[in-house]
PDB file of N, CA and C in Angstrom:
ATOM      1  N   UNK A   1      13.984  97.450 -37.266  1.00  0.00           N
ATOM      2  CA  UNK A   1      12.753  98.301 -37.316  1.00  0.00           C
ATOM      3  C   UNK A   1      12.399  98.477 -38.787  1.00  0.00           C
ATOM      4  N   UNK A   2      11.087  98.611 -38.928  1.00  0.00           N
ATOM      5  CA  UNK A   2      10.416  98.896 -40.148  1.00  0.00           C
ATOM      6  C   UNK A   2      10.673 100.230 -40.596  1.00  0.00           C
ATOM      7  N   UNK A   3      11.020 100.471 -41.840  1.00  0.00           N
ATOM      8  CA  UNK A   3      11.230 101.853 -42.359  1.00  0.00           C
ATOM      9  C   UNK A   3       9.843 102.611 -42.521  1.00  0.00           C
ATOM     10  N   UNK A   4       9.801 103.812 -42.478  1.00  0.00           N
ATOM     11  CA  UNK A   4       8.697 104.622 -42.646  1.00  0.00           C
ATOM     12  C   UNK A   4       8.149 104.518 -44.066  1.00  0.00           C
ATOM     13  N   UNK A   5       9.050 104.324 -44.962  1.00  0.00           N
ATOM     14  CA  UNK A   5       8.623 104.186 -46.414  1.00  0.00           C
ATOM     15  C   UNK A   5       7.739 102.885 -46.548  1.00  0.00           C
ATOM     16  N   UNK A   6       8.199 101.742 -45.940  1.00  0.00           N
ATOM     17  CA  UNK A   6       7.417 100.560 -45.972  1.00  0.00           C
ATOM     18  C   UNK A   6       6.085 100.766 -45.313  1.00  0.00           C
ATOM     19  N   UNK A   7       6.030 101.385 -44.184  1.00  0.00           N
ATOM     20  CA  UNK A   7       4.718 101.835 -43.519  1.00  0.00           C
ATOM     21  C   UNK A   7       3.827 102.599 -44.411  1.00  0.00           C
ATOM     22  N   UNK A   8       4.442 103.586 -45.079  1.00  0.00           N
ATOM     23  CA  UNK A   8       3.589 104.450 -46.026  1.00  0.00           C
ATOM     24  C   UNK A   8       3.033 103.745 -47.200  1.00  0.00           C
ATOM     25  N   UNK A   9       3.865 102.790 -47.784  1.00  0.00           N
ATOM     26  CA  UNK A   9       3.437 101.981 -48.838  1.00  0.00           C
ATOM     27  C   UNK A   9       2.184 101.023 -48.439  1.00  0.00           C
ATOM     28  N   UNK A  10       2.419 100.537 -47.328  1.00  0.00           N
ATOM     29  CA  UNK A  10       1.200  99.656 -46.836  1.00  0.00           C
ATOM     30  C   UNK A  10       0.034 100.442 -46.455  1.00  0.00           C
ATOM     31  N   UNK A  11       0.221 101.588 -45.932  1.00  0.00           N
ATOM     32  CA  UNK A  11      -1.001 102.454 -45.718  1.00  0.00           C
ATOM     33  C   UNK A  11      -1.619 102.851 -46.923  1.00  0.00           C
ATOM     34  N   UNK A  12      -0.916 103.212 -48.003  1.00  0.00           N
ATOM     35  CA  UNK A  12      -1.422 103.572 -49.306  1.00  0.00           C
ATOM     36  C   UNK A  12      -2.244 102.411 -49.899  1.00  0.00           C
ATOM     37  N   UNK A  13      -1.637 101.147 -49.738  1.00  0.00           N
ATOM     38  CA  UNK A  13      -2.298 100.018 -50.241  1.00  0.00           C
ATOM     39  C   UNK A  13      -3.687  99.679 -49.536  1.00  0.00           C
ATOM     40  N   UNK A  14      -3.625  99.931 -48.302  1.00  0.00           N
ATOM     41  CA  UNK A  14      -4.842  99.701 -47.505  1.00  0.00           C
ATOM     42  C   UNK A  14      -5.881 100.842 -47.801  1.00  0.00           C
ATOM     43  N   UNK A  15      -5.373 102.041 -48.019  1.00  0.00           N
ATOM     44  CA  UNK A  15      -6.371 103.156 -48.389  1.00  0.00           C
ATOM     45  C   UNK A  15      -6.931 102.871 -49.701  1.00  0.00           C
ATOM     46  N   UNK A  16      -6.189 102.372 -50.699  1.00  0.00           N
ATOM     47  CA  UNK A  16      -6.718 102.093 -51.985  1.00  0.00           C
ATOM     48  C   UNK A  16      -7.776 101.011 -51.928  1.00  0.00           C
ATOM     49  N   UNK A  17      -7.467  99.995 -51.126  1.00  0.00           N
ATOM     50  CA  UNK A  17      -8.433  98.875 -50.921  1.00  0.00           C
ATOM     51  C   UNK A  17      -9.827  99.413 -50.192  1.00  0.00           C
ATOM     52  N   UNK A  18      -9.537 100.349 -49.225  1.00  0.00           N
ATOM     53  CA  UNK A  18     -10.851 100.842 -48.610  1.00  0.00           C
ATOM     54  C   UNK A  18     -11.597 101.704 -49.596  1.00  0.00           C
ATOM     55  N   UNK A  19     -11.062 102.498 -50.387  1.00  0.00           N
ATOM     56  CA  UNK A  19     -11.689 103.297 -51.366  1.00  0.00           C
ATOM     57  C   UNK A  19     -12.475 102.468 -52.439  1.00  0.00           C
ATOM     58  N   UNK A  20     -11.890 101.336 -52.904  1.00  0.00           N
ATOM     59  CA  UNK A  20     -12.366 100.525 -53.935  1.00  0.00           C
ATOM     60  C   UNK A  20     -13.604  99.655 -53.473  1.00  0.00           C
ATOM     61  N   UNK A  21     -13.596  99.284 -52.237  1.00  0.00           N
ATOM     62  CA  UNK A  21     -14.564  98.268 -51.777  1.00  0.00           C
ATOM     63  C   UNK A  21     -15.935  98.871 -51.532  1.00  0.00           C
ATOM     64  N   UNK A  22     -17.053  98.079 -51.768  1.00  0.00           N
ATOM     65  CA  UNK A  22     -18.361  98.427 -51.543  1.00  0.00           C
ATOM     66  C   UNK A  22     -18.747  97.888 -50.165  1.00  0.00           C
ATOM     67  N   UNK A  23     -18.018  96.995 -49.738  1.00  0.00           N
ATOM     68  CA  UNK A  23     -18.475  96.197 -48.479  1.00  0.00           C
ATOM     69  C   UNK A  23     -17.966  97.024 -47.278  1.00  0.00           C
ATOM     70  N   UNK A  24     -18.825  97.344 -46.375  1.00  0.00           N
ATOM     71  CA  UNK A  24     -18.453  98.250 -45.285  1.00  0.00           C
ATOM     72  C   UNK A  24     -17.608  97.536 -44.298  1.00  0.00           C
ATOM     73  N   UNK A  25     -17.787  96.252 -44.147  1.00  0.00           N
ATOM     74  CA  UNK A  25     -16.735  95.420 -43.198  1.00  0.00           C
ATOM     75  C   UNK A  25     -15.319  95.428 -43.730  1.00  0.00           C
ATOM     76  N   UNK A  26     -15.177  95.335 -44.984  1.00  0.00           N
ATOM     77  CA  UNK A  26     -13.894  95.249 -45.635  1.00  0.00           C
ATOM     78  C   UNK A  26     -13.170  96.740 -45.610  1.00  0.00           C
ATOM     79  N   UNK A  27     -14.087  97.692 -45.684  1.00  0.00           N
ATOM     80  CA  UNK A  27     -13.570  99.129 -45.587  1.00  0.00           C
ATOM     81  C   UNK A  27     -13.157  99.277 -44.163  1.00  0.00           C
ATOM     82  N   UNK A  28     -13.887  99.002 -43.164  1.00  0.00           N
ATOM     83  CA  UNK A  28     -13.495  99.162 -41.791  1.00  0.00           C
ATOM     84  C   UNK A  28     -12.303  98.381 -41.454  1.00  0.00           C
ATOM     85  N   UNK A  29     -12.228  97.173 -42.018  1.00  0.00           N
ATOM     86  CA  UNK A  29     -10.881  96.375 -41.748  1.00  0.00           C
ATOM     87  C   UNK A  29      -9.617  97.143 -42.344  1.00  0.00           C
ATOM     88  N   UNK A  30      -9.757  97.703 -43.484  1.00  0.00           N
ATOM     89  CA  UNK A  30      -8.609  98.482 -44.125  1.00  0.00           C
ATOM     90  C   UNK A  30      -8.328  99.676 -43.342  1.00  0.00           C
ATOM     91  N   UNK A  31      -9.314 100.419 -42.748  1.00  0.00           N
ATOM     92  CA  UNK A  31      -9.189 101.639 -42.065  1.00  0.00           C
ATOM     93  C   UNK A  31      -8.482 101.239 -40.606  1.00  0.00           C
ATOM     94  N   UNK A  32      -8.869  99.997 -40.130  1.00  0.00           N
ATOM     95  CA  UNK A  32      -8.255  99.585 -38.864  1.00  0.00           C
ATOM     96  C   UNK A  32      -6.902  99.268 -39.087  1.00  0.00           C
ATOM     97  N   UNK A  33      -6.531  98.691 -40.235  1.00  0.00           N
ATOM     98  CA  UNK A  33      -5.141  98.362 -40.476  1.00  0.00           C
ATOM     99  C   UNK A  33      -4.272  99.586 -40.601  1.00  0.00           C
ATOM    100  N   UNK A  34      -4.900 100.733 -41.291  1.00  0.00           N
ATOM    101  CA  UNK A  34      -4.201 101.988 -41.333  1.00  0.00           C
ATOM    102  C   UNK A  34      -3.979 102.585 -39.935  1.00  0.00           C
ATOM    103  N   UNK A  35      -4.881 102.461 -39.109  1.00  0.00           N
ATOM    104  CA  UNK A  35      -4.673 103.002 -37.711  1.00  0.00           C
ATOM    105  C   UNK A  35      -3.579 102.205 -37.006  1.00  0.00           C
ATOM    106  N   UNK A  36      -3.567 100.888 -37.224  1.00  0.00           N
ATOM    107  CA  UNK A  36      -2.549 100.140 -36.600  1.00  0.00           C
ATOM    108  C   UNK A  36      -1.132 100.501 -37.106  1.00  0.00           C
ATOM    109  N   UNK A  37      -1.075 100.709 -38.395  1.00  0.00           N
ATOM    110  CA  UNK A  37       0.194 101.097 -39.046  1.00  0.00           C
ATOM    111  C   UNK A  37       0.713 102.392 -38.525  1.00  0.00           C
ATOM    112  N   UNK A  38      -0.238 103.370 -38.189  1.00  0.00           N
ATOM    113  CA  UNK A  38       0.134 104.616 -37.592  1.00  0.00           C
ATOM    114  C   UNK A  38       0.533 104.349 -36.202  1.00  0.00           C
ATOM    115  N   UNK A  39      -0.007 103.421 -35.463  1.00  0.00           N
ATOM    116  CA  UNK A  39       0.444 103.181 -34.126  1.00  0.00           C
ATOM    117  C   UNK A  39       1.845 102.650 -34.129  1.00  0.00           C
ATOM    118  N   UNK A  40       2.082 101.733 -35.038  1.00  0.00           N
ATOM    119  CA  UNK A  40       3.361 101.141 -35.186  1.00  0.00           C
ATOM    120  C   UNK A  40       4.418 102.153 -35.432  1.00  0.00           C
ATOM    121  N   UNK A  41       4.189 103.020 -36.361  1.00  0.00           N
ATOM    122  CA  UNK A  41       5.114 104.019 -36.702  1.00  0.00           C
ATOM    123  C   UNK A  41       5.379 104.971 -35.624  1.00  0.00           C
ATOM    124  N   UNK A  42       4.329 105.462 -34.967  1.00  0.00           N
ATOM    125  CA  UNK A  42       4.467 106.370 -33.807  1.00  0.00           C
ATOM    126  C   UNK A  42       5.074 105.733 -32.628  1.00  0.00           C
ATOM    127  N   UNK A  43       4.616 104.537 -32.399  1.00  0.00           N
ATOM    128  CA  UNK A  43       5.050 103.804 -31.223  1.00  0.00           C
ATOM    129  C   UNK A  43       6.463 103.461 -31.189  1.00  0.00           C
ATOM    130  N   UNK A  44       6.994 103.156 -32.385  1.00  0.00           N
ATOM    131  CA  UNK A  44       8.276 102.710 -32.530  1.00  0.00           C
ATOM    132  C   UNK A  44       9.291 103.791 -32.319  1.00  0.00           C
ATOM    133  N   UNK A  45       8.841 105.021 -32.560  1.00  0.00           N
ATOM    134  CA  UNK A  45       9.713 106.116 -32.451  1.00  0.00           C
ATOM    135  C   UNK A  45       9.717 106.610 -30.966  1.00  0.00           C
ATOM    136  N   UNK A  46       8.597 106.565 -30.279  1.00  0.00           N
ATOM    137  CA  UNK A  46       8.421 107.055 -29.064  1.00  0.00           C
ATOM    138  C   UNK A  46       9.097 106.035 -27.917  1.00  0.00           C
ATOM    139  N   UNK A  47       9.139 104.681 -28.406  1.00  0.00           N
ATOM    140  CA  UNK A  47       9.575 103.794 -27.378  1.00  0.00           C
ATOM    141  C   UNK A  47      11.168 103.913 -27.235  1.00  0.00           C
ATOM    142  N   UNK A  48      11.806 104.457 -28.234  1.00  0.00           N
ATOM    143  CA  UNK A  48      13.234 104.562 -28.071  1.00  0.00           C
ATOM    144  C   UNK A  48      13.583 105.782 -27.149  1.00  0.00           C
ATOM    145  N   UNK A  49      12.725 106.867 -27.198  1.00  0.00           N
ATOM    146  CA  UNK A  49      12.992 108.017 -26.380  1.00  0.00           C
ATOM    147  C   UNK A  49      12.507 107.907 -24.994  1.00  0.00           C
ATOM    148  N   UNK A  50      11.631 107.124 -24.771  1.00  0.00           N
ATOM    149  CA  UNK A  50      10.943 107.095 -23.474  1.00  0.00           C
ATOM    150  C   UNK A  50      11.290 105.832 -22.597  1.00  0.00           C
ATOM    151  N   UNK A  51      11.553 106.126 -21.361  1.00  0.00           N
ATOM    152  CA  UNK A  51      11.939 105.085 -20.435  1.00  0.00           C
ATOM    153  C   UNK A  51      10.699 104.737 -19.603  1.00  0.00           C
ATOM    154  N   UNK A  52      10.587 103.298 -19.559  1.00  0.00           N
ATOM    155  CA  UNK A  52       9.298 102.821 -18.912  1.00  0.00           C
ATOM    156  C   UNK A  52       9.776 102.521 -17.521  1.00  0.00           C
ATOM    157  N   UNK A  53       9.165 103.124 -16.472  1.00  0.00           N
ATOM    158  CA  UNK A  53       9.450 102.851 -15.154  1.00  0.00           C
ATOM    159  C   UNK A  53       8.214 102.055 -14.527  1.00  0.00           C
ATOM    160  N   UNK A  54       8.390 100.918 -14.209  1.00  0.00           N
ATOM    161  CA  UNK A  54       7.248 100.112 -13.601  1.00  0.00           C
ATOM    162  C   UNK A  54       6.857 100.702 -12.232  1.00  0.00           C
ATOM    163  N   UNK A  55       5.565 100.847 -11.982  1.00  0.00           N
ATOM    164  CA  UNK A  55       5.061 101.304 -10.684  1.00  0.00           C
ATOM    165  C   UNK A  55       4.954 100.066  -9.791  1.00  0.00           C
ATOM    166  N   UNK A  56       5.168 100.242  -8.516  1.00  0.00           N
ATOM    167  CA  UNK A  56       4.954  99.154  -7.573  1.00  0.00           C
ATOM    168  C   UNK A  56       3.373  99.137  -7.174  1.00  0.00           C
ATOM    169  N   UNK A  57       2.868  98.034  -7.299  1.00  0.00           N
ATOM    170  CA  UNK A  57       1.401  97.871  -6.890  1.00  0.00           C
ATOM    171  C   UNK A  57       1.412  97.721  -5.381  1.00  0.00           C
ATOM    172  N   UNK A  58       0.616  98.647  -4.803  1.00  0.00           N
ATOM    173  CA  UNK A  58       0.389  98.499  -3.364  1.00  0.00           C
ATOM    174  C   UNK A  58      -0.912  97.964  -3.174  1.00  0.00           C
ATOM    175  N   UNK A  59      -1.189  97.091  -2.123  1.00  0.00           N
ATOM    176  CA  UNK A  59      -2.437  96.600  -1.812  1.00  0.00           C
ATOM    177  C   UNK A  59      -2.838  97.212  -0.514  1.00  0.00           C
ATOM    178  N   UNK A  60      -4.198  97.509  -0.450  1.00  0.00           N
ATOM    179  CA  UNK A  60      -4.759  97.996   0.758  1.00  0.00           C
ATOM    180  C   UNK A  60      -4.968  96.838   1.694  1.00  0.00           C
ATOM    181  N   UNK A  61      -4.821  97.094   2.974  1.00  0.00           N
ATOM    182  CA  UNK A  61      -4.957  95.953   4.035  1.00  0.00           C
ATOM    183  C   UNK A  61      -6.526  95.511   3.940  1.00  0.00           C
ATOM    184  N   UNK A  62      -6.604  94.309   3.998  1.00  0.00           N
ATOM    185  CA  UNK A  62      -7.941  93.594   3.918  1.00  0.00           C
ATOM    186  C   UNK A  62      -8.485  93.458   5.332  1.00  0.00           C
ATOM    187  N   UNK A  63      -9.660  94.039   5.519  1.00  0.00           N
ATOM    188  CA  UNK A  63     -10.328  93.875   6.756  1.00  0.00           C
ATOM    189  C   UNK A  63     -11.193  92.565   6.790  1.00  0.00           C
ATOM    190  N   UNK A  64     -11.182  91.923   7.751  1.00  0.00           N
ATOM    191  CA  UNK A  64     -12.025  90.755   7.875  1.00  0.00           C
ATOM    192  C   UNK A  64     -13.491  91.120   7.876  1.00  0.00           C
ATOM    193  N   UNK A  65     -14.185  90.285   7.234  1.00  0.00           N
ATOM    194  CA  UNK A  65     -15.679  90.470   7.098  1.00  0.00           C
ATOM    195  C   UNK A  65     -16.389  89.752   8.205  1.00  0.00           C
ATOM    196  N   UNK A  66     -17.183  90.468   8.967  1.00  0.00           N
ATOM    197  CA  UNK A  66     -17.786  89.871  10.098  1.00  0.00           C
ATOM    198  C   UNK A  66     -19.133  89.177   9.506  1.00  0.00           C
ATOM    199  N   UNK A  67     -19.154  87.826   9.691  1.00  0.00           N
ATOM    200  CA  UNK A  67     -20.279  87.170   9.193  1.00  0.00           C
ATOM    201  C   UNK A  67     -21.432  87.232  10.115  1.00  0.00           C
ATOM    202  N   UNK A  68     -22.579  87.307   9.505  1.00  0.00           N
ATOM    203  CA  UNK A  68     -23.823  87.403  10.317  1.00  0.00           C
ATOM    204  C   UNK A  68     -24.439  86.017  10.516  1.00  0.00           C
ATOM    205  N   UNK A  69     -24.251  85.547  11.737  1.00  0.00           N
ATOM    206  CA  UNK A  69     -24.879  84.189  12.082  1.00  0.00           C
ATOM    207  C   UNK A  69     -26.324  84.367  12.431  1.00  0.00           C
ATOM    208  N   UNK A  70     -27.054  83.494  11.866  1.00  0.00           N
ATOM    209  CA  UNK A  70     -28.466  83.603  12.145  1.00  0.00           C
ATOM    210  C   UNK A  70     -28.774  82.833  13.510  1.00  0.00           C
ATOM    211  N   UNK A  71     -28.898  83.616  14.566  1.00  0.00           N
ATOM    212  CA  UNK A  71     -29.206  83.191  15.811  1.00  0.00           C
ATOM    213  C   UNK A  71     -30.747  83.743  16.066  1.00  0.00           C
ATOM    214  N   UNK A  72     -31.657  82.874  16.402  1.00  0.00           N
ATOM    215  CA  UNK A  72     -32.875  83.285  16.670  1.00  0.00           C
ATOM    216  C   UNK A  72     -33.022  83.993  18.005  1.00  0.00           C
ATOM    217  N   UNK A  73     -33.782  85.016  17.989  1.00  0.00           N
ATOM    218  CA  UNK A  73     -33.918  85.777  19.211  1.00  0.00           C
ATOM    219  C   UNK A  73     -34.787  84.918  20.241  1.00  0.00           C
ATOM    220  N   UNK A  74     -34.329  84.885  21.444  1.00  0.00           N
ATOM    221  CA  UNK A  74     -35.029  84.002  22.413  1.00  0.00           C
ATOM    222  C   UNK A  74     -35.628  84.908  23.514  1.00  0.00           C
ATOM    223  N   UNK A  75     -36.951  84.711  23.643  1.00  0.00           N
ATOM    224  CA  UNK A  75     -37.783  85.314  24.736  1.00  0.00           C
ATOM    225  C   UNK A  75     -38.344  84.265  25.592  1.00  0.00           C
ATOM    226  N   UNK A  76     -38.386  84.496  26.749  1.00  0.00           N
ATOM    227  CA  UNK A  76     -38.907  83.517  27.720  1.00  0.00           C
ATOM    228  C   UNK A  76     -40.409  83.282  27.427  1.00  0.00           C
ATOM    229  N   UNK A  77     -40.758  82.000  27.322  1.00  0.00           N
ATOM    230  CA  UNK A  77     -42.065  81.582  27.063  1.00  0.00           C
ATOM    231  C   UNK A  77     -42.605  81.883  25.658  1.00  0.00           C
ATOM    232  N   UNK A  78     -41.834  82.265  24.719  1.00  0.00           N
ATOM    233  CA  UNK A  78     -42.273  82.601  23.506  1.00  0.00           C
ATOM    234  C   UNK A  78     -41.671  81.746  22.427  1.00  0.00           C
ATOM    235  N   UNK A  79     -40.600  81.026  22.597  1.00  0.00           N
ATOM    236  CA  UNK A  79     -40.016  80.342  21.575  1.00  0.00           C
ATOM    237  C   UNK A  79     -40.331  78.852  21.631  1.00  0.00           C
ATOM    238  N   UNK A  80     -40.733  78.255  20.467  1.00  0.00           N
ATOM    239  CA  UNK A  80     -41.012  76.951  20.283  1.00  0.00           C
ATOM    240  C   UNK A  80     -40.417  76.512  19.012  1.00  0.00           C
ATOM    241  N   UNK A  81     -40.841  75.270  18.583  1.00  0.00           N
ATOM    242  CA  UNK A  81     -40.272  74.728  17.308  1.00  0.00           C
ATOM    243  C   UNK A  81     -41.027  75.233  16.118  1.00  0.00           C
ATOM    244  N   UNK A  82     -42.146  75.889  16.247  1.00  0.00           N
ATOM    245  CA  UNK A  82     -42.885  76.424  15.126  1.00  0.00           C
ATOM    246  C   UNK A  82     -43.022  78.039  15.216  1.00  0.00           C
ATOM    247  N   UNK A  83     -43.182  78.550  14.041  1.00  0.00           N
ATOM    248  CA  UNK A  83     -43.340  80.049  14.084  1.00  0.00           C
ATOM    249  C   UNK A  83     -44.711  80.402  14.666  1.00  0.00           C
ATOM    250  N   UNK A  84     -45.648  79.459  14.761  1.00  0.00           N
ATOM    251  CA  UNK A  84     -46.950  79.688  15.320  1.00  0.00           C
ATOM    252  C   UNK A  84     -46.921  79.400  16.776  1.00  0.00           C
ATOM    253  N   UNK A  85     -45.869  79.021  17.420  1.00  0.00           N
ATOM    254  CA  UNK A  85     -45.766  78.840  18.956  1.00  0.00           C
ATOM    255  C   UNK A  85     -45.553  80.046  19.523  1.00  0.00           C
ATOM    256  N   UNK A  86     -46.469  80.544  20.330  1.00  0.00           N
ATOM    257  CA  UNK A  86     -46.387  81.899  21.011  1.00  0.00           C
ATOM    258  C   UNK A  86     -46.063  81.698  22.430  1.00  0.00           C
TER     259      UNK A  86
END
């Protein structure tokens, strides 16, 4: 496990880089690195204390989909090969 002092030193280095740069992209990268270092430090501590219990995934029963088949309506004397056949 990484010691807190090593994490603090890297955070200070990233903070110094963020303060010195004029480029917004580089500053945001340094700040993102600081955030990641915080997560590493806090996550490493809580992982040891916390037990992870996986949850069982349950699936809902799948209902079959009724397909709509295109069947033309049939009327006596009204159906032909064309839509204009009456």
